[in-house]
Amino acid sequence: MNPVFANSAIVNTPEWLVLKGGRRRKVRLKVRYGIFRHPDAGLLLIDTGYGPRVKQGPRSMALRIYSSLLGAELWGQGQPEAALARLGARPQDVRAIVITHFHADHIACLDLFPQAQIFAKRSVFDRIRANNIWQNLRHGAFPELLPADLSARIVDIGDLERREAPLGLGMGYDLLGDGSMLAVDLPGHAEGHFGICFANLPVPFLYAVDAQWLLDAVPASRAPGFPASLIADSRRDLVESTRRVQAFRENGGDVLLCHDPADSPYDLVRPHNEG
């Protein structure tokens, strides 16, 4: 099957904050995660979305503040258990999860998948474990959301073979060994941030995750500046990653971002009774 993307939550954000020249109105940013069934590797997720562990139950003060500032509205039918059920699957059917970066809205539901392998950058994971609370807070990382046995389950994408991604995107790590899913570095937003290129589709498709929040901001002239730039791990790298994503689009590729509010052909269509 082609990859599909479920929406786990909505974050209401002023348009001017995420788009240069944007209006004062609020935009409803989505919090997507991907679902992909590979003929040999089985059922995989790309991140896990935003879940109840960020908003409820015992949490550190830092995570409580993060949750309060983000103000995310959870979407029940977009949570992993419900989304997988609509595809005839259960959490225990998920064989592997690709973690594009370790921000809370991408890893909050990892606890639902204790049996899954984790494709991630081990060097980033190791630094999160070694950092103090303030260093992790600066990078938007909350170790309390990470399973205790995660180190033993990580497949380090840095050890995988590299292949050329299509349409001039550059080199990517071959996640499944057949060129179908390439992890392509898109630094700038967060330490180790990468996107996923589905290179073998009739139209090459790039899930560019958080290279920007809105597709309208991918052209350099519309990318947001201050104060949104304060969140970036590296503003210079983010500019270059955005340029590469735009070049991929101009060369004929499809692009989807995690938070873009517009509906996409790759989105898992929500039930009619969901608000």
Protein backbone atom coordinates (compact mmCIF):
# COMPACT_ATOMS: atom_id res chain seq x y z
CA MET A 1 0.00 0.00 0.00
CA ASN A 2 0.97 3.64 -0.30
CA PRO A 3 1.84 5.42 2.94
CA VAL A 4 -1.07 7.08 4.71
CA PHE A 5 -0.95 9.69 7.44
CA ALA A 6 -3.23 9.94 10.44
CA ASN A 7 -3.75 13.12 12.44
CA SER A 8 -3.34 12.73 16.19
CA ALA A 9 -4.10 16.29 17.33
CA ILE A 10 -4.78 19.90 16.39
CA VAL A 11 -2.72 22.90 17.52
CA ASN A 12 -4.24 26.35 17.03
CA THR A 13 -1.47 28.78 16.06
CA PRO A 14 -1.40 32.35 14.71
CA GLU A 15 -0.70 32.22 10.98
CA TRP A 16 1.88 35.03 11.21
CA LEU A 17 4.00 32.85 13.51
CA VAL A 18 4.45 30.06 10.93
CA LEU A 19 4.26 32.00 7.65
CA LYS A 20 6.07 35.19 6.67
CA GLY A 21 3.41 37.78 5.90
CA GLY A 22 0.75 35.60 7.50
CA ARG A 23 -2.42 37.08 8.96
CA ARG A 24 -3.44 37.36 12.61
CA ARG A 25 -6.02 34.59 12.20
CA LYS A 26 -5.47 31.17 13.79
CA VAL A 27 -4.57 28.14 11.69
CA ARG A 28 -5.31 24.60 12.85
CA LEU A 29 -2.03 22.74 12.54
CA LYS A 30 -2.24 18.97 12.30
CA VAL A 31 0.09 16.53 14.08
CA ARG A 32 0.53 13.70 11.60
CA TYR A 33 2.26 10.35 11.78
CA GLY A 34 2.63 7.81 8.98
CA ILE A 35 1.44 4.23 8.48
CA PHE A 36 3.01 2.02 5.82
CA ARG A 37 2.65 -1.68 5.06
CA HIS A 38 5.69 -3.16 3.31
CA PRO A 39 5.37 -6.55 1.57
CA ASP A 40 8.35 -7.99 3.45
CA ALA A 41 8.96 -5.77 6.49
CA GLY A 42 5.29 -5.66 7.46
CA LEU A 43 3.48 -2.81 9.17
CA LEU A 44 5.54 0.28 10.05
CA LEU A 45 4.87 3.69 11.56
CA ILE A 46 6.66 6.96 10.89
CA ASP A 47 6.65 8.60 14.33
CA THR A 48 3.65 8.07 16.63
CA GLY A 49 2.00 11.47 16.90
CA TYR A 50 0.79 13.36 19.95
CA GLY A 51 -0.83 11.33 22.73
CA PRO A 52 -2.40 11.47 26.19
CA ARG A 53 0.90 10.97 28.05
CA VAL A 54 1.83 14.57 27.26
CA LYS A 55 -1.42 15.98 28.65
CA GLN A 56 -2.46 13.61 31.45
CA GLY A 57 -1.15 11.65 34.41
CA PRO A 58 2.17 11.94 36.26
CA ARG A 59 4.51 14.25 34.35
CA SER A 60 7.51 16.42 34.96
CA MET A 61 6.94 20.15 35.41
CA ALA A 62 8.76 20.72 32.11
CA LEU A 63 6.33 18.45 30.24
CA ARG A 64 3.36 20.13 31.94
CA ILE A 65 4.60 23.53 30.77
CA TYR A 66 5.19 22.22 27.24
CA SER A 67 1.67 20.77 27.11
CA SER A 68 0.16 24.01 28.38
CA LEU A 69 2.04 26.17 25.88
CA LEU A 70 1.22 23.92 22.93
CA GLY A 71 -2.45 23.63 23.84
CA ALA A 72 -2.97 20.64 21.58
CA GLU A 73 -6.44 19.11 21.14
CA LEU A 74 -6.22 15.32 20.91
CA TRP A 75 -8.23 13.67 18.12
CA GLY A 76 -9.52 10.34 19.39
CA GLN A 77 -10.06 8.75 15.97
CA GLY A 78 -6.55 9.79 14.95
CA GLN A 79 -4.81 8.13 17.88
CA PRO A 80 -2.75 5.08 16.82
CA GLU A 81 -5.05 2.39 18.19
CA ALA A 82 -8.10 3.85 16.43
CA ALA A 83 -6.28 4.66 13.18
CA LEU A 84 -4.76 1.19 12.97
CA ALA A 85 -8.15 -0.41 13.65
CA ARG A 86 -9.58 1.41 10.63
CA LEU A 87 -6.89 -0.35 8.58
CA GLY A 88 -7.64 -3.74 10.11
CA ALA A 89 -4.58 -3.75 12.36
CA ARG A 90 -3.64 -3.53 16.06
CA PRO A 91 -0.65 -1.95 17.83
CA GLN A 92 0.93 -5.38 18.30
CA ASP A 93 0.96 -5.79 14.49
CA VAL A 94 3.39 -2.89 14.10
CA ARG A 95 6.82 -4.34 13.39
CA ALA A 96 8.89 -1.14 13.38
CA ILE A 97 8.67 2.60 14.01
CA VAL A 98 10.82 5.23 12.31
CA ILE A 99 11.54 8.17 14.63
CA THR A 100 12.36 11.22 12.51
CA HIS A 101 13.33 13.23 15.60
CA PHE A 102 12.67 13.08 19.33
CA HIS A 103 10.24 15.95 19.92
CA ALA A 104 7.29 15.05 22.15
CA ASP A 105 4.65 15.33 19.41
CA HIS A 106 6.48 12.63 17.45
CA ILE A 107 7.18 10.07 20.18
CA ALA A 108 4.33 10.45 22.69
CA CYS A 109 2.73 7.09 21.88
CA LEU A 110 5.85 4.91 21.80
CA ASP A 111 4.62 3.10 24.91
CA LEU A 112 1.85 1.47 22.83
CA PHE A 113 4.41 -0.51 20.83
CA PRO A 114 6.73 -2.36 23.24
CA GLN A 115 7.56 -5.04 20.67
CA ALA A 116 8.48 -2.77 17.73
CA GLN A 117 11.97 -2.15 16.43
CA ILE A 118 12.90 1.54 16.39
CA PHE A 119 14.72 3.06 13.43
CA ALA A 120 16.41 6.21 14.75
CA LYS A 121 19.71 8.02 15.07
CA ARG A 122 21.43 6.42 18.03
CA SER A 123 23.81 9.34 18.45
CA VAL A 124 20.87 11.67 19.10
CA PHE A 125 19.26 9.21 21.50
CA ASP A 126 22.52 8.82 23.41
CA ARG A 127 22.88 12.59 23.77
CA ILE A 128 19.34 12.89 25.11
CA ARG A 129 20.15 10.30 27.77
CA ALA A 130 23.38 12.12 28.70
CA ASN A 131 21.92 15.66 28.73
CA ASN A 132 20.67 17.38 31.83
CA ILE A 133 17.07 18.54 32.08
CA TRP A 134 17.81 22.06 30.82
CA GLN A 135 19.76 20.85 27.80
CA ASN A 136 16.92 18.53 26.85
CA LEU A 137 14.33 21.24 27.39
CA ARG A 138 16.28 23.54 25.04
CA HIS A 139 16.06 20.84 22.36
CA GLY A 140 12.41 19.95 23.05
CA ALA A 141 13.26 16.46 24.31
CA PHE A 142 11.50 14.73 27.22
CA PRO A 143 13.23 11.45 28.17
CA GLU A 144 10.27 10.41 30.32
CA LEU A 145 8.37 9.66 27.08
CA LEU A 146 11.01 7.16 25.96
CA PRO A 147 10.58 3.46 26.83
CA ALA A 148 13.14 2.16 29.33
CA ASP A 149 14.30 -0.56 26.91
CA LEU A 150 14.57 1.71 23.87
CA SER A 151 18.35 1.45 23.61
CA ALA A 152 18.10 -2.30 23.00
CA ARG A 153 15.48 -1.85 20.29
CA ILE A 154 17.13 0.85 18.19
CA VAL A 155 18.31 0.15 14.67
CA ASP A 156 20.81 2.95 14.03
CA ILE A 157 20.03 4.39 10.61
CA GLY A 158 23.60 5.66 10.45
CA ASP A 159 24.72 2.06 9.97
CA LEU A 160 22.49 1.47 6.95
CA GLU A 161 23.46 1.56 3.29
CA ARG A 162 23.01 4.89 1.56
CA ARG A 163 21.30 5.41 -1.79
CA GLU A 164 20.65 8.38 -4.03
CA ALA A 165 17.15 9.78 -3.55
CA PRO A 166 15.27 10.91 -6.67
CA LEU A 167 14.82 14.40 -8.12
CA GLY A 168 18.09 15.76 -6.77
CA LEU A 169 17.13 15.34 -3.12
CA GLY A 170 20.51 13.87 -2.18
CA MET A 171 21.58 10.74 -0.35
CA GLY A 172 19.33 8.78 2.00
CA TYR A 173 19.65 5.83 4.37
CA ASP A 174 17.97 2.73 2.93
CA LEU A 175 15.67 1.73 5.78
CA LEU A 176 14.31 -1.51 4.34
CA GLY A 177 17.11 -2.56 2.00
CA ASP A 178 15.13 -2.20 -1.23
CA GLY A 179 15.21 1.56 -1.81
CA SER A 180 11.50 1.99 -1.03
CA MET A 181 12.00 4.14 2.10
CA LEU A 182 14.98 6.48 2.29
CA ALA A 183 15.73 8.51 5.42
CA VAL A 184 17.01 11.84 4.07
CA ASP A 185 18.72 14.29 6.41
CA LEU A 186 16.82 17.59 6.66
CA PRO A 187 18.65 19.32 9.51
CA GLY A 188 17.70 22.56 11.16
CA HIS A 189 14.42 21.98 12.96
CA ALA A 190 15.77 19.54 15.55
CA GLU A 191 18.95 17.61 16.17
CA GLY A 192 19.15 14.71 13.73
CA HIS A 193 15.88 15.63 11.97
CA PHE A 194 15.26 13.66 8.76
CA GLY A 195 12.45 13.13 6.28
CA ILE A 196 11.28 9.96 4.54
CA CYS A 197 11.39 9.66 0.76
CA PHE A 198 9.24 6.99 -0.87
CA ALA A 199 11.43 6.77 -3.93
CA ASN A 200 9.69 3.94 -5.81
CA LEU A 201 6.23 5.46 -6.14
CA PRO A 202 5.13 6.60 -9.62
CA VAL A 203 5.53 10.15 -8.31
CA PRO A 204 8.36 10.26 -5.73
CA PHE A 205 6.98 11.37 -2.40
CA LEU A 206 8.80 13.13 0.45
CA TYR A 207 7.40 13.29 3.96
CA ALA A 208 9.44 16.32 5.01
CA VAL A 209 8.10 16.20 8.60
CA ASP A 210 9.00 19.52 10.28
CA ALA A 211 11.19 21.13 7.63
CA GLN A 212 8.50 23.82 7.88
CA TRP A 213 5.05 23.95 9.43
CA LEU A 214 3.19 25.02 6.27
CA LEU A 215 3.78 24.10 2.62
CA ASP A 216 3.12 27.76 1.84
CA ALA A 217 6.26 28.53 3.89
CA VAL A 218 8.55 26.25 1.88
CA PRO A 219 9.49 28.97 -0.65
CA ALA A 220 12.24 30.99 1.01
CA SER A 221 10.25 34.20 0.61
CA ARG A 222 7.47 32.88 2.89
CA ALA A 223 9.54 31.03 5.52
CA PRO A 224 8.89 32.51 8.99
CA GLY A 225 11.57 34.49 10.78
CA PHE A 226 11.66 35.69 14.38
CA PRO A 227 10.24 34.47 16.78
CA ALA A 228 9.62 31.10 15.08
CA SER A 229 13.31 30.88 14.23
CA LEU A 230 14.14 30.67 17.96
CA ILE A 231 12.77 27.13 17.99
CA ALA A 232 15.16 25.93 15.28
CA ASP A 233 18.15 23.83 16.22
CA SER A 234 20.09 25.60 13.43
CA ARG A 235 18.55 28.45 11.45
CA ARG A 236 21.17 28.18 8.72
CA ASP A 237 20.55 24.44 8.26
CA LEU A 238 16.80 25.00 8.27
CA VAL A 239 17.09 27.45 5.37
CA GLU A 240 19.10 24.92 3.35
CA SER A 241 16.72 22.05 4.14
CA THR A 242 13.75 24.19 3.11
CA ARG A 243 15.50 25.01 -0.17
CA ARG A 244 16.03 21.30 -0.89
CA VAL A 245 12.41 20.47 -0.17
CA GLN A 246 11.28 23.23 -2.53
CA ALA A 247 13.66 21.99 -5.25
CA PHE A 248 12.22 18.47 -4.88
CA ARG A 249 8.71 19.90 -5.40
CA GLU A 250 9.80 21.95 -8.39
CA ASN A 251 11.35 18.84 -9.93
CA GLY A 252 8.00 17.04 -9.80
CA GLY A 253 7.92 15.36 -6.38
CA ASP A 254 5.05 15.31 -3.90
CA VAL A 255 5.70 16.77 -0.44
CA LEU A 256 3.78 16.46 2.82
CA LEU A 257 4.60 18.16 6.13
CA CYS A 258 3.61 16.96 9.57
CA HIS A 259 1.73 20.09 10.59
CA ASP A 260 0.33 21.56 7.37
CA PRO A 261 -3.41 22.12 7.96
CA ALA A 262 -4.51 21.42 4.40
CA ASP A 263 -5.99 18.04 3.57
CA SER A 264 -3.68 15.81 1.54
CA PRO A 265 -4.27 12.81 -0.77
CA TYR A 266 -1.96 10.93 1.59
CA ASP A 267 -4.12 11.59 4.66
CA LEU A 268 -6.12 8.80 6.22
CA VAL A 269 -9.66 10.02 5.61
CA ARG A 270 -11.38 10.56 8.93
CA PRO A 271 -14.85 9.21 9.69
CA HIS A 272 -17.76 11.49 8.81
CA ASN A 273 -18.76 11.74 12.46
CA GLU A 274 -15.37 13.12 13.54
CA GLY A 275 -15.29 16.87 14.12
